[in-house]
Protein backbone atom coordinates (compact mmCIF):
# COMPACT_ATOMS: atom_id res chain seq x y z
CA MET A 1 132.79 93.65 110.54
CA THR A 2 130.02 95.73 109.06
CA GLU A 3 126.53 96.84 110.06
CA CYS A 4 123.13 95.42 109.23
CA ILE A 5 120.62 98.25 108.85
CA ILE A 6 116.98 97.15 109.25
CA HIS A 7 114.39 99.64 108.04
CA ILE A 8 111.08 99.05 109.82
CA GLY A 9 108.90 102.17 110.00
CA MET A 10 105.14 102.39 110.07
CA HIS A 11 103.00 101.66 107.06
CA LYS A 12 102.31 104.67 104.82
CA THR A 13 105.65 106.37 105.49
CA GLY A 14 107.16 106.11 102.01
CA SER A 15 108.53 102.60 102.46
CA THR A 16 107.58 101.49 98.95
CA SER A 17 109.51 104.39 97.41
CA ILE A 18 112.57 103.58 99.54
CA GLN A 19 112.42 99.88 98.72
CA GLN A 20 111.94 100.29 94.99
CA SER A 21 114.66 102.93 94.79
CA LEU A 22 117.20 100.77 96.63
CA ASN A 23 116.21 97.46 95.02
CA GLY A 24 119.33 95.94 93.46
CA PHE A 25 121.52 98.79 94.73
CA VAL A 26 125.13 98.06 95.64
CA ASN A 27 128.19 100.27 95.92
CA ASP A 28 131.44 100.09 97.85
CA ARG A 29 129.69 100.78 101.17
CA PHE A 30 126.14 99.40 100.97
CA ARG A 31 124.21 96.48 99.55
CA TYR A 32 120.43 96.20 99.47
CA ALA A 33 119.49 92.62 100.35
CA ASP A 34 117.78 90.31 97.87
CA LEU A 35 115.49 88.20 100.04
CA ASP A 36 112.37 87.71 97.98
CA HIS A 37 110.85 88.27 94.54
CA THR A 38 109.96 91.77 95.73
CA SER A 39 111.95 94.71 97.10
CA ASN A 40 109.78 94.61 100.23
CA HIS A 41 111.32 92.16 102.72
CA SER A 42 108.26 91.98 104.98
CA PHE A 43 107.14 88.50 103.98
CA ALA A 44 110.64 87.02 103.96
CA MET A 45 111.44 88.32 107.45
CA SER A 46 108.05 87.34 108.80
CA ASN A 47 108.40 83.86 107.31
CA LEU A 48 111.85 83.42 108.83
CA PHE A 49 111.30 84.74 112.33
CA SER A 50 107.63 85.06 113.28
CA ALA A 51 107.37 81.50 114.69
CA SER A 52 109.34 78.29 114.84
CA ASP A 53 106.19 76.32 113.99
CA VAL A 54 105.58 76.59 110.25
CA SER A 55 101.82 76.17 110.69
CA GLN A 56 101.74 79.37 112.79
CA ASN A 57 104.26 81.26 110.68
CA SER A 58 103.55 84.30 108.54
CA GLN A 59 100.45 86.33 107.86
CA ARG A 60 100.10 84.24 104.70
CA ALA A 61 99.70 80.97 106.63
CA ASN A 62 95.94 80.97 105.95
CA GLU A 63 96.39 81.87 102.28
CA ILE A 64 98.85 79.23 101.06
CA ASN A 65 99.30 75.58 101.90
CA PRO A 66 101.97 74.47 104.44
CA ALA A 67 104.18 72.95 101.73
CA GLU A 68 104.37 76.24 99.83
CA LEU A 69 104.96 78.15 103.04
CA LYS A 70 107.79 75.81 104.02
CA LYS A 71 109.31 76.28 100.58
CA ASP A 72 109.12 80.08 100.96
CA ILE A 73 110.79 79.89 104.37
CA GLU A 74 113.63 77.73 103.05
CA GLN A 75 114.14 80.08 100.11
CA ALA A 76 114.21 83.14 102.39
CA LYS A 77 116.75 81.41 104.63
CA ARG A 78 119.03 80.61 101.68
CA LYS A 79 118.78 84.15 100.36
CA LEU A 80 119.51 85.72 103.74
CA GLU A 81 122.56 83.48 104.17
CA LYS A 82 123.72 84.44 100.69
CA ALA A 83 123.19 88.16 101.39
CA ILE A 84 125.32 87.84 104.53
CA ARG A 85 128.08 86.02 102.64
CA MET A 86 128.08 88.64 99.88
CA GLN A 87 128.37 91.67 102.16
CA ASP A 88 132.15 91.80 101.52
CA GLY A 89 132.81 94.72 103.83
CA ARG A 90 129.55 96.49 102.95
CA HIS A 91 126.65 97.43 105.19
CA LEU A 92 123.60 95.26 104.47
CA ILE A 93 120.19 96.97 104.20
CA ILE A 94 116.94 95.11 104.92
CA SER A 95 113.57 96.86 104.61
CA GLY A 96 110.04 95.79 105.49
CA GLU A 97 107.20 97.64 107.22
CA SER A 98 105.77 94.44 108.68
CA ILE A 99 109.00 93.76 110.58
CA SER A 100 107.57 96.22 113.11
CA LYS A 101 104.74 93.73 113.75
CA LEU A 102 107.08 90.94 114.87
CA ASP A 103 106.81 90.19 118.57
CA LYS A 104 109.70 90.40 121.02
CA ALA A 105 110.53 86.67 120.77
CA ALA A 106 110.74 86.95 116.97
CA LEU A 107 113.06 89.95 117.25
CA GLU A 108 115.30 88.01 119.62
CA ARG A 109 115.53 85.22 117.01
CA LEU A 110 116.36 87.83 114.39
CA GLN A 111 119.08 89.33 116.56
CA SER A 112 120.58 85.90 117.33
CA THR A 113 120.74 85.10 113.61
CA LEU A 114 122.44 88.36 112.60
CA ARG A 115 124.65 89.10 115.59
CA PRO A 116 127.53 86.72 114.70
CA HIS A 117 127.91 88.35 111.29
CA PHE A 118 127.74 92.08 112.02
CA LYS A 119 129.52 94.50 114.30
CA ARG A 120 126.25 96.35 114.85
CA ILE A 121 122.55 95.89 114.06
CA ARG A 122 120.81 99.23 113.51
CA ILE A 123 117.04 99.69 113.45
CA VAL A 124 115.72 102.74 111.59
CA GLY A 125 112.27 103.93 110.62
CA TYR A 126 109.75 106.72 110.22
CA VAL A 127 106.86 107.46 112.56
CA ARG A 128 103.65 109.05 111.36
CA SER A 129 101.36 111.37 113.33
CA PRO A 130 98.30 109.51 114.65
CA ALA A 131 95.39 111.13 112.77
CA ALA A 132 97.29 111.06 109.47
CA TYR A 133 98.17 107.42 110.08
CA ILE A 134 94.55 106.46 110.85
CA SER A 135 93.35 108.04 107.61
CA SER A 136 96.14 106.50 105.53
CA ILE A 137 95.92 102.99 106.96
CA PHE A 138 92.17 102.95 106.26
CA GLN A 139 93.00 103.51 102.59
CA GLN A 140 95.68 100.81 102.71
CA PHE A 141 93.32 98.25 104.26
CA LEU A 142 90.57 99.13 101.78
CA LYS A 143 92.78 97.89 98.95
CA ASN A 144 92.41 94.34 100.28
CA ARG A 145 89.22 94.26 102.35
CA LEU A 146 86.45 96.30 103.95
CA PRO A 147 88.02 97.97 107.00
CA PRO A 148 86.09 99.29 110.01
CA LEU A 149 85.28 102.97 109.88
CA SER A 150 86.56 103.38 113.43
CA ALA A 151 89.53 105.39 114.66
CA ASP A 152 89.77 103.13 117.72
CA ALA A 153 90.11 100.05 115.53
CA LEU A 154 92.58 101.71 113.13
CA TYR A 155 94.84 103.32 115.74
CA ARG A 156 98.18 101.55 116.12
CA PRO A 157 99.78 101.85 119.59
CA TYR A 158 103.21 103.43 119.33
CA ARG A 159 104.70 101.94 122.48
CA GLU A 160 103.57 98.42 121.63
CA THR A 161 105.06 98.82 118.14
CA PHE A 162 108.47 100.30 118.95
CA GLU A 163 109.49 99.69 122.57
CA LYS A 164 110.34 96.04 121.91
CA PHE A 165 113.08 97.16 119.48
CA ASP A 166 114.68 99.25 122.23
CA GLN A 167 114.51 96.25 124.55
CA VAL A 168 116.03 93.75 122.12
CA PHE A 169 118.58 95.87 120.22
CA GLY A 170 119.19 98.70 122.70
CA ALA A 171 117.74 102.20 122.34
CA ASN A 172 121.11 103.54 121.13
CA ASN A 173 120.79 101.25 118.10
CA VAL A 174 117.23 102.32 117.25
CA ALA A 175 116.76 105.59 115.30
CA LEU A 176 113.18 106.80 114.77
CA TRP A 177 112.33 109.85 112.67
CA LYS A 178 109.13 111.82 112.23
CA PHE A 179 107.55 111.33 108.81
CA ASP A 180 107.32 114.94 107.64
CA PRO A 181 107.75 115.24 103.84
CA ALA A 182 107.63 119.04 104.04
CA SER A 183 110.98 118.97 105.85
CA PHE A 184 112.66 116.40 103.56
CA PRO A 185 115.15 117.33 100.81
CA ASP A 186 113.02 117.99 97.71
CA HIS A 187 110.08 116.76 99.83
CA CYS A 188 111.37 113.25 99.03
CA VAL A 189 111.49 110.47 101.63
CA VAL A 190 114.10 108.53 99.61
CA SER A 191 116.46 111.50 99.63
CA ASP A 192 115.90 111.99 103.35
CA PHE A 193 116.48 108.31 104.13
CA CYS A 194 119.70 108.18 102.12
CA ALA A 195 120.98 111.44 103.61
CA ARG A 196 120.44 110.18 107.15
CA LEU A 197 122.39 106.97 106.43
CA ASP A 198 124.99 108.57 104.13
CA ILE A 199 123.96 106.39 101.17
CA ALA A 200 125.24 107.84 97.89
CA LEU A 201 122.23 106.87 95.81
CA PRO A 202 122.32 108.30 92.24
CA GLY A 203 119.43 110.66 91.60
CA ASP A 204 118.24 108.71 88.57
CA ARG A 205 117.55 105.70 90.81
CA ILE A 206 115.02 107.54 92.96
CA ILE A 207 111.48 106.27 92.46
CA ARG A 208 108.61 108.21 93.99
CA VAL A 209 105.63 105.94 94.41
CA ASN A 210 102.31 107.72 94.94
CA GLU A 211 99.84 105.14 96.23
CA SER A 212 97.14 107.62 97.26
CA TYR A 213 93.53 107.33 96.11
CA SER A 214 91.21 110.30 95.60
CA ARG A 215 88.19 110.77 97.88
CA GLN A 216 85.97 109.83 94.93
CA VAL A 217 87.76 106.54 94.19
CA ILE A 218 87.82 105.64 97.90
CA GLY A 219 84.05 106.09 97.98
CA LEU A 220 83.53 103.84 94.96
CA LEU A 221 85.81 101.16 96.36
CA TYR A 222 84.07 101.30 99.76
CA VAL A 223 80.67 100.87 98.11
CA TYR A 224 82.01 97.99 96.02
CA ARG A 225 83.48 96.14 98.97
CA THR A 226 80.29 96.68 100.97
CA TYR A 227 78.11 94.95 98.36
CA ALA A 228 80.54 92.60 96.60
CA ALA A 229 79.53 89.54 98.64
CA GLN A 230 75.84 90.21 97.96
CA PHE A 231 76.49 89.91 94.22
CA ASN A 232 79.08 87.11 94.53
CA TYR A 233 81.76 89.17 92.82
CA PRO A 234 85.25 87.61 92.72
CA ALA A 235 87.77 88.82 95.28
CA LEU A 236 89.46 92.13 94.50
CA HIS A 237 93.07 92.20 95.69
CA ALA A 238 95.38 95.16 96.23
CA GLY A 239 97.23 94.79 92.92
CA GLU A 240 94.02 95.00 90.89
CA ALA A 241 92.69 97.80 93.11
CA ASN A 242 95.83 99.81 92.35
CA ARG A 243 95.38 99.25 88.62
CA LEU A 244 91.74 100.38 88.83
CA ASN A 245 92.88 103.47 90.72
CA MET A 246 95.31 104.30 87.91
CA ALA A 247 92.53 103.83 85.36
CA LEU A 248 90.33 106.21 87.36
CA LYS A 249 92.92 108.97 87.78
CA THR A 250 90.70 111.43 85.95
CA LEU A 251 87.77 110.71 88.26
CA GLY A 252 88.05 113.30 91.02
CA ASN A 253 91.04 114.84 92.72
CA GLN A 254 89.68 115.58 96.20
CA ARG A 255 91.97 114.41 98.99
CA PHE A 256 90.53 111.77 101.30
CA ARG A 257 90.22 112.92 104.90
CA PHE A 258 88.48 111.68 108.02
CA SER A 259 86.41 114.26 109.82
CA PRO A 260 88.15 115.58 112.96
CA GLN A 261 85.18 114.33 115.00
CA LEU A 262 85.89 110.74 113.94
CA SER A 263 89.38 110.65 115.45
CA ALA A 264 89.13 113.26 118.23
CA ALA A 265 87.99 110.91 121.01
CA THR A 266 90.60 108.31 120.07
CA LEU A 267 93.43 110.84 120.16
CA VAL A 268 92.33 111.98 123.63
CA ALA A 269 92.09 108.39 124.87
CA GLN A 270 95.57 107.61 123.49
CA GLN A 271 97.33 110.71 124.82
CA GLU A 272 99.62 108.73 127.14
CA ASP A 273 100.76 106.50 124.26
CA ILE A 274 101.24 109.48 121.92
CA GLN A 275 103.24 111.35 124.56
CA TRP A 276 105.46 108.29 125.05
CA MET A 277 106.20 108.34 121.33
CA GLU A 278 106.92 112.06 121.34
CA ARG A 279 109.45 111.61 124.16
CA ARG A 280 111.06 108.68 122.36
CA LEU A 281 111.06 110.55 119.05
CA GLY A 282 112.18 113.88 120.45
CA ASP A 283 109.59 115.57 118.26
CA CYS A 284 105.96 116.68 118.40
CA LEU A 285 103.23 114.62 116.73
CA ARG A 286 100.50 117.23 117.18
CA GLU A 287 98.31 117.84 114.13
CA GLU A 288 96.15 120.85 113.33
CA LEU A 289 93.00 119.11 112.12
CA GLY A 290 90.89 122.25 112.01
CA ASP A 291 87.16 122.21 111.41
CA ALA A 292 85.18 119.73 109.35
CA ARG A 293 85.37 120.30 105.59
CA PRO A 294 83.06 119.32 102.73
CA GLY A 295 83.76 115.74 101.76
CA ASP A 296 85.15 114.71 105.17
CA VAL A 297 84.21 111.20 106.24
CA ALA A 298 82.69 110.58 109.67
CA TYR A 299 80.10 107.83 109.03
CA PRO A 300 79.67 104.92 106.58
CA ALA A 301 76.85 106.86 104.93
CA ASP A 302 79.38 109.51 103.87
CA LEU A 303 81.17 106.91 101.74
CA LEU A 304 78.09 104.98 100.62
CA HIS A 305 76.61 108.09 99.01
CA THR A 306 78.04 108.60 95.51
CA PRO A 307 77.45 112.09 94.03
CA GLY A 308 75.80 112.30 90.63
CA GLU A 309 78.87 113.86 89.01
CA VAL A 310 80.96 110.83 90.01
CA VAL A 311 78.34 108.49 88.52
CA MET A 312 78.37 110.62 85.37
CA GLU A 313 82.16 110.41 85.05
CA LEU A 314 82.19 106.66 85.63
CA ARG A 315 79.40 106.25 83.11
CA ALA A 316 81.42 108.29 80.57
CA LEU A 317 84.33 105.90 81.00
CA LEU A 318 81.99 103.03 80.14
CA GLY A 319 80.38 104.84 77.22
CA GLU A 320 77.20 103.27 75.87
CA TYR A 321 77.46 100.43 78.36
CA GLY A 322 76.87 102.66 81.37
CA PRO A 323 73.43 103.42 82.89
CA GLN A 324 71.04 105.40 80.71
CA LYS A 325 70.61 108.30 83.13
CA ALA A 326 73.31 110.41 84.74
CA THR A 327 71.36 110.69 87.99
CA GLU A 328 72.50 109.59 91.42
CA LEU A 329 72.25 105.86 91.98
CA GLU A 330 71.58 103.71 95.02
CA PRO A 331 74.73 102.13 96.54
CA GLU A 332 73.88 98.69 95.13
CA GLU A 333 73.63 100.18 91.64
CA VAL A 334 76.95 101.98 92.07
CA ALA A 335 78.54 98.67 93.09
CA GLN A 336 77.25 97.06 89.90
CA LEU A 337 78.42 99.98 87.79
CA PHE A 338 81.86 99.81 89.37
CA HIS A 339 81.96 96.08 88.65
CA ALA A 340 81.13 96.78 85.02
CA PHE A 341 84.12 99.12 84.93
CA ARG A 342 86.28 96.49 86.63
CA MET A 343 85.30 93.94 83.98
CA SER A 344 86.07 96.45 81.24
CA GLN A 345 89.67 96.60 82.48
CA ILE A 346 89.95 92.81 82.51
CA GLU A 347 88.27 92.35 79.12
CA PRO A 348 89.34 95.20 76.83
CA LYS A 349 86.95 94.19 74.05
CA LEU A 350 84.05 94.94 76.42
CA HIS A 351 82.72 91.41 76.27
CA GLY A 352 82.37 91.47 80.04
CA VAL A 353 81.04 95.04 80.10
CA ARG A 354 78.09 94.14 77.90
CA LYS A 355 77.25 91.24 80.21
CA TRP A 356 77.34 93.34 83.37
CA ALA A 357 75.68 96.39 81.79
CA VAL A 358 72.72 94.23 80.79
CA LYS A 359 72.53 92.84 84.32
CA LEU A 360 72.65 96.36 85.75
CA ARG A 361 69.84 97.61 83.53
CA ARG A 362 67.65 94.57 84.26
CA TRP A 363 68.30 94.90 87.96
CA ARG A 364 67.27 98.58 87.92
CA GLN A 365 64.04 97.58 86.14
CA GLY A 366 63.30 94.96 88.80
CA LEU A 367 63.87 92.07 86.41
CA PRO A 368 65.69 88.83 87.39
């Protein structure tokens, strides 16, 4: 019998690159499971194991109706059964960051489902240092909603996240690695992952996904999400946010960073949890945050203020439909300008831009 390798990891540890690189991969030793319409198995595994009651199942339970959710669960079950049947002496790989959010009871259901079919179930994943994680997960949340600018709220307890895997699968079957791209082969998480598991992945299959946003784009998106409800703008989801980020690649290249003062108290308060993770990991998670730097974010006001040069660049992208002056704008005006740019990406002929540019100008003049 073969092994089932379940890649969990924390968010923002290169999971998307690993999943997209391995999607559809099969050789004489490994097969990457096909469980969903995406290479990320988070939803499929959550749907299957998070709860026996469909109405409570999945983080999408509030987003889709019960009939659709039930259909998704049935499809995921069929695909998992098929993946198990097709292993044919190969090790099966499943990958999803959100698997780490399943509770202990869900993991026990997962183990009971897989145990009859595999000689061993291995859990593997990367662990990120706390301050770096807090900064990165803020960016991830911002793609879908307005997250709290609070290190306490963004911190994810290590022990609560990982100890349940040791308890259910046995610590000898759980391998956790520090996420440290500087130490990876070619600084590539995909190469490191495959080397650790002895997966002979051809180099031309490696996909490096860079999902980072510049400090300037993060500021614009934060302003937009802060005022979107006030202007009744339609919901902006992660997929569209990513496309807008790509369209704004020329707008600033400063790296987003929380000020050390924002996370310092949280890191002190969580020392016991961090030390538990370091013992479990066998590695140090200490970070040299240094002193505050220009552009660091400590308060909402740091993100709500948009420098004049950023306004000027965004205006240039809109051409004649941007504001008349390249001066700094109030946050509400920046939100409207960003919406004009958003509409320009949806409506290439600038039909929507004209509409929103007129509204922006009238609003600045105090007109209804």
